[in-house]
Amino acid sequence: MTAQGPPADDPRVPDLRDRLLPLDSDHLPTSPPSGEGFHAAVSLILRAGPGLDVLLIRRSESETDPWSGHMALPGGRRDASDPDLLFTALRETREETGVRLDELGTPLGRLEPVRPSTFRLPPISIFPFVFCVGEQTRARVASPEIVEVLWAPLSVLREPGARGTATIPLGDTSRKFPCFRYRGRVIWGLTYRILSAFFARLPSREGAADFDDMHA
């Protein structure tokens, strides 16, 4: 089937756009300040059907990848040839999942950048961009850097029972981190923080229309 953009009359699209930061490039840095590491961009992709699904990937196991094996959002480090961070998000998503957001996606806005809270990870600022695609959109493993793609319903991830903690090994020790759990996958770290920041901008689950499954 041919993937199509989200329906023009879907009321969630303008509502989501109003809840996010604008895509205006004037508010995005062109390069990291000296000594402040590097920039990356990720795509938070919502597939609009009767419900809203978010695209997740699982990174390959690699000794050279600080996020080896993690559940994540499509994205990666900005290349010197990328004109801006939005382009980085589009390029990395296409390279990893085959989803051409420049053709199939509606850009909605962005979230505040996140940075690692531990010295164990590289000094990086990650800029999340939010897109919406039609319900026929399909993703695939298109890069050796990832081993899995899956669509997770927002309505499931936002249930109280989806939140918990996970014990993560860190060298010779381990720590507990907040996480989301979905079908045996543990979503923690920077991806957990990005999704939590996004969920905080959505209508509350109490006293509001069921935004996640508006047409169900």
Protein backbone atom coordinates (compact mmCIF):
# COMPACT_ATOMS: atom_id res chain seq x y z
CA MET A 1 0.00 0.00 0.00
CA THR A 2 1.10 3.57 -0.59
CA ALA A 3 1.64 5.54 2.59
CA GLN A 4 -0.25 8.78 2.81
CA GLY A 5 -0.05 11.75 5.10
CA PRO A 6 -2.48 12.13 8.00
CA PRO A 7 -6.01 13.20 7.09
CA ALA A 8 -6.24 16.97 6.68
CA ASP A 9 -9.35 17.04 8.88
CA ASP A 10 -7.84 15.06 11.76
CA PRO A 11 -8.33 17.46 14.71
CA ARG A 12 -5.33 16.00 16.52
CA VAL A 13 -2.89 17.51 14.00
CA PRO A 14 -3.49 21.23 14.70
CA ASP A 15 -3.94 20.45 18.40
CA LEU A 16 -0.57 18.73 18.54
CA ARG A 17 1.09 21.54 16.62
CA ASP A 18 -0.23 24.07 19.12
CA ARG A 19 1.25 22.08 22.01
CA LEU A 20 4.79 21.92 20.60
CA LEU A 21 7.65 24.34 20.11
CA PRO A 22 7.78 25.88 16.61
CA LEU A 23 10.06 24.55 13.90
CA ASP A 24 11.38 28.04 13.16
CA SER A 25 15.08 27.53 12.41
CA ASP A 26 15.87 30.86 14.05
CA HIS A 27 15.38 29.10 17.39
CA LEU A 28 17.71 26.21 16.54
CA PRO A 29 21.49 26.37 16.93
CA THR A 30 23.62 25.99 13.82
CA SER A 31 26.48 24.32 15.68
CA PRO A 32 27.40 23.45 19.28
CA PRO A 33 29.28 26.09 21.26
CA SER A 34 32.97 25.40 21.56
CA GLY A 35 33.68 22.65 24.07
CA GLU A 36 30.04 21.56 24.40
CA GLY A 37 30.14 18.30 22.49
CA PHE A 38 27.98 17.70 19.43
CA HIS A 39 24.37 17.85 18.23
CA ALA A 40 21.98 15.10 17.19
CA ALA A 41 18.33 14.94 16.16
CA VAL A 42 15.63 12.30 16.59
CA SER A 43 12.18 11.89 15.08
CA LEU A 44 9.15 11.26 17.26
CA ILE A 45 6.82 9.88 14.57
CA LEU A 46 3.11 9.53 15.23
CA ARG A 47 1.07 7.29 12.96
CA ALA A 48 -2.50 8.60 12.83
CA GLY A 49 -5.17 5.94 12.58
CA PRO A 50 -8.05 5.35 14.98
CA GLY A 51 -5.31 5.69 17.60
CA LEU A 52 -1.91 7.32 17.60
CA ASP A 53 1.14 5.05 17.45
CA VAL A 54 4.75 6.10 17.98
CA LEU A 55 7.63 4.55 16.05
CA LEU A 56 10.37 2.95 18.17
CA ILE A 57 13.59 1.24 17.13
CA ARG A 58 15.98 -1.11 18.91
CA ARG A 59 19.65 -0.41 18.36
CA SER A 60 22.10 -3.15 17.46
CA GLU A 61 24.48 -4.53 20.04
CA SER A 62 27.85 -2.85 19.52
CA GLU A 63 30.82 -2.21 21.78
CA THR A 64 31.37 1.15 20.06
CA ASP A 65 27.81 2.41 20.61
CA PRO A 66 27.09 4.05 24.00
CA TRP A 67 23.40 3.21 23.42
CA SER A 68 24.04 -0.38 22.35
CA GLY A 69 20.85 -2.46 22.37
CA HIS A 70 18.67 0.39 23.64
CA MET A 71 15.11 1.13 22.60
CA ALA A 72 15.20 4.53 20.93
CA LEU A 73 13.67 6.95 18.45
CA PRO A 74 15.03 7.09 14.91
CA GLY A 75 17.83 9.62 14.65
CA GLY A 76 21.49 10.29 15.05
CA ARG A 77 24.38 12.71 15.01
CA ARG A 78 24.32 15.75 12.75
CA ASP A 79 26.71 15.48 9.81
CA ALA A 80 28.81 18.47 8.80
CA SER A 81 26.96 18.47 5.45
CA ASP A 82 23.49 18.65 7.04
CA PRO A 83 22.06 22.15 6.51
CA ASP A 84 20.18 22.03 9.83
CA LEU A 85 18.99 19.71 12.57
CA LEU A 86 15.59 19.13 10.97
CA PHE A 87 17.40 17.75 7.93
CA THR A 88 19.39 15.49 10.26
CA ALA A 89 16.17 14.04 11.67
CA LEU A 90 14.79 13.44 8.16
CA ARG A 91 18.00 11.86 6.88
CA GLU A 92 18.60 9.59 9.86
CA THR A 93 14.99 8.38 9.88
CA ARG A 94 15.18 7.47 6.19
CA GLU A 95 18.54 5.71 6.62
CA GLU A 96 17.42 3.70 9.65
CA THR A 97 13.77 2.89 8.93
CA GLY A 98 13.08 3.67 5.28
CA VAL A 99 10.39 6.20 6.25
CA ARG A 100 10.68 9.28 4.03
CA LEU A 101 9.32 11.99 6.26
CA ASP A 102 10.08 14.64 3.63
CA GLU A 103 7.45 12.99 1.40
CA LEU A 104 5.09 11.22 3.81
CA GLY A 105 5.25 13.16 7.05
CA THR A 106 3.65 16.31 8.38
CA PRO A 107 6.09 18.17 10.65
CA LEU A 108 4.30 19.32 13.79
CA GLY A 109 6.97 20.95 15.94
CA ARG A 110 9.71 20.02 18.35
CA LEU A 111 10.56 19.49 22.00
CA GLU A 112 13.28 20.96 24.17
CA PRO A 113 16.68 19.33 23.62
CA VAL A 114 17.84 16.73 26.12
CA ARG A 115 21.36 15.96 27.30
CA PRO A 116 22.82 12.96 29.12
CA SER A 117 22.86 13.32 32.89
CA THR A 118 25.91 11.10 33.34
CA PHE A 119 29.56 11.44 32.40
CA ARG A 120 29.46 7.87 31.08
CA LEU A 121 27.75 9.12 27.91
CA PRO A 122 29.20 11.45 25.25
CA PRO A 123 28.56 15.22 25.58
CA ILE A 124 25.61 15.52 23.21
CA SER A 125 22.50 17.67 22.80
CA ILE A 126 19.60 15.77 21.23
CA PHE A 127 16.85 17.75 19.49
CA PRO A 128 13.52 15.88 19.15
CA PHE A 129 11.27 16.72 16.18
CA VAL A 130 7.65 15.54 16.04
CA PHE A 131 5.99 14.33 12.84
CA CYS A 132 2.67 12.77 11.90
CA VAL A 133 2.19 10.17 9.17
CA GLY A 134 -0.79 8.31 7.74
CA GLU A 135 -1.95 4.97 9.12
CA GLN A 136 -0.69 3.01 6.08
CA THR A 137 2.92 4.08 6.75
CA ARG A 138 5.29 1.17 7.19
CA ALA A 139 8.79 1.14 8.68
CA ARG A 140 11.53 -1.46 8.25
CA VAL A 141 15.01 -2.22 9.49
CA ALA A 142 17.03 -0.33 6.87
CA SER A 143 20.41 -0.04 8.60
CA PRO A 144 22.79 -2.41 10.38
CA GLU A 145 22.69 0.05 13.28
CA ILE A 146 19.22 -1.19 14.27
CA VAL A 147 17.66 -4.65 14.65
CA GLU A 148 13.97 -3.89 15.20
CA VAL A 149 11.24 -1.36 14.45
CA LEU A 150 7.83 -1.34 16.06
CA TRP A 151 4.82 0.93 16.47
CA ALA A 152 3.63 1.36 20.06
CA PRO A 153 0.17 2.81 20.81
CA LEU A 154 0.30 6.03 22.83
CA SER A 155 -2.78 4.88 24.71
CA VAL A 156 -0.80 1.89 26.02
CA LEU A 157 2.40 3.77 26.84
CA ARG A 158 0.41 6.41 28.73
CA GLU A 159 -1.35 3.90 30.98
CA PRO A 160 -0.04 4.04 34.57
CA GLY A 161 0.84 0.37 34.38
CA ALA A 162 3.30 1.00 31.53
CA ARG A 163 5.59 3.00 33.84
CA GLY A 164 8.00 1.34 36.18
CA THR A 165 11.68 1.06 36.96
CA ALA A 166 14.43 -1.05 35.47
CA THR A 167 17.74 -2.10 36.95
CA ILE A 168 20.43 -1.23 34.43
CA PRO A 169 24.02 -2.54 34.66
CA LEU A 170 26.59 0.27 34.61
CA GLY A 171 30.09 -1.12 34.52
CA ASP A 172 30.77 -2.85 37.82
CA THR A 173 27.54 -1.69 39.40
CA SER A 174 23.87 -1.14 38.53
CA ARG A 175 21.19 1.48 39.07
CA LYS A 176 17.43 1.72 38.90
CA PHE A 177 15.98 4.04 36.25
CA PRO A 178 12.40 5.02 35.43
CA CYS A 179 11.12 3.37 32.28
CA PHE A 180 8.19 2.48 30.07
CA ARG A 181 7.54 -1.19 29.35
CA TYR A 182 5.92 -2.40 26.15
CA ARG A 183 5.73 -6.02 24.99
CA GLY A 184 8.81 -6.99 26.92
CA ARG A 185 10.83 -3.97 25.77
CA VAL A 186 12.25 -1.52 28.30
CA ILE A 187 12.33 2.12 27.22
CA TRP A 188 14.56 4.15 29.51
CA GLY A 189 17.23 6.85 29.55
CA LEU A 190 17.07 9.68 27.03
CA THR A 191 14.19 8.11 25.10
CA TYR A 192 12.15 7.81 28.30
CA ARG A 193 12.84 11.48 29.02
CA ILE A 194 11.83 12.58 25.51
CA LEU A 195 8.59 10.57 25.56
CA SER A 196 7.76 11.83 29.06
CA ALA A 197 8.27 15.43 27.94
CA PHE A 198 5.98 14.79 24.97
CA PHE A 199 3.29 13.14 27.07
CA ALA A 200 3.37 16.11 29.46
CA ARG A 201 2.21 18.31 26.58
CA LEU A 202 -0.79 16.11 25.71
CA PRO A 203 -4.25 16.36 27.28
CA SER A 204 -4.41 14.66 30.66
CA ARG A 205 -5.94 11.23 30.82
CA GLU A 206 -8.51 12.43 33.37
CA GLY A 207 -11.35 14.77 32.48
CA ALA A 208 -10.39 15.05 28.80
CA ALA A 209 -11.39 13.43 25.54
CA ASP A 210 -9.36 10.32 24.82
CA PHE A 211 -6.90 12.10 22.59
CA ASP A 212 -4.84 8.97 21.87
CA ASP A 213 -7.80 7.02 20.49
CA MET A 214 -10.05 9.80 19.27
CA HIS A 215 -11.87 7.76 16.66
CA ALA A 216 -12.04 4.45 18.53
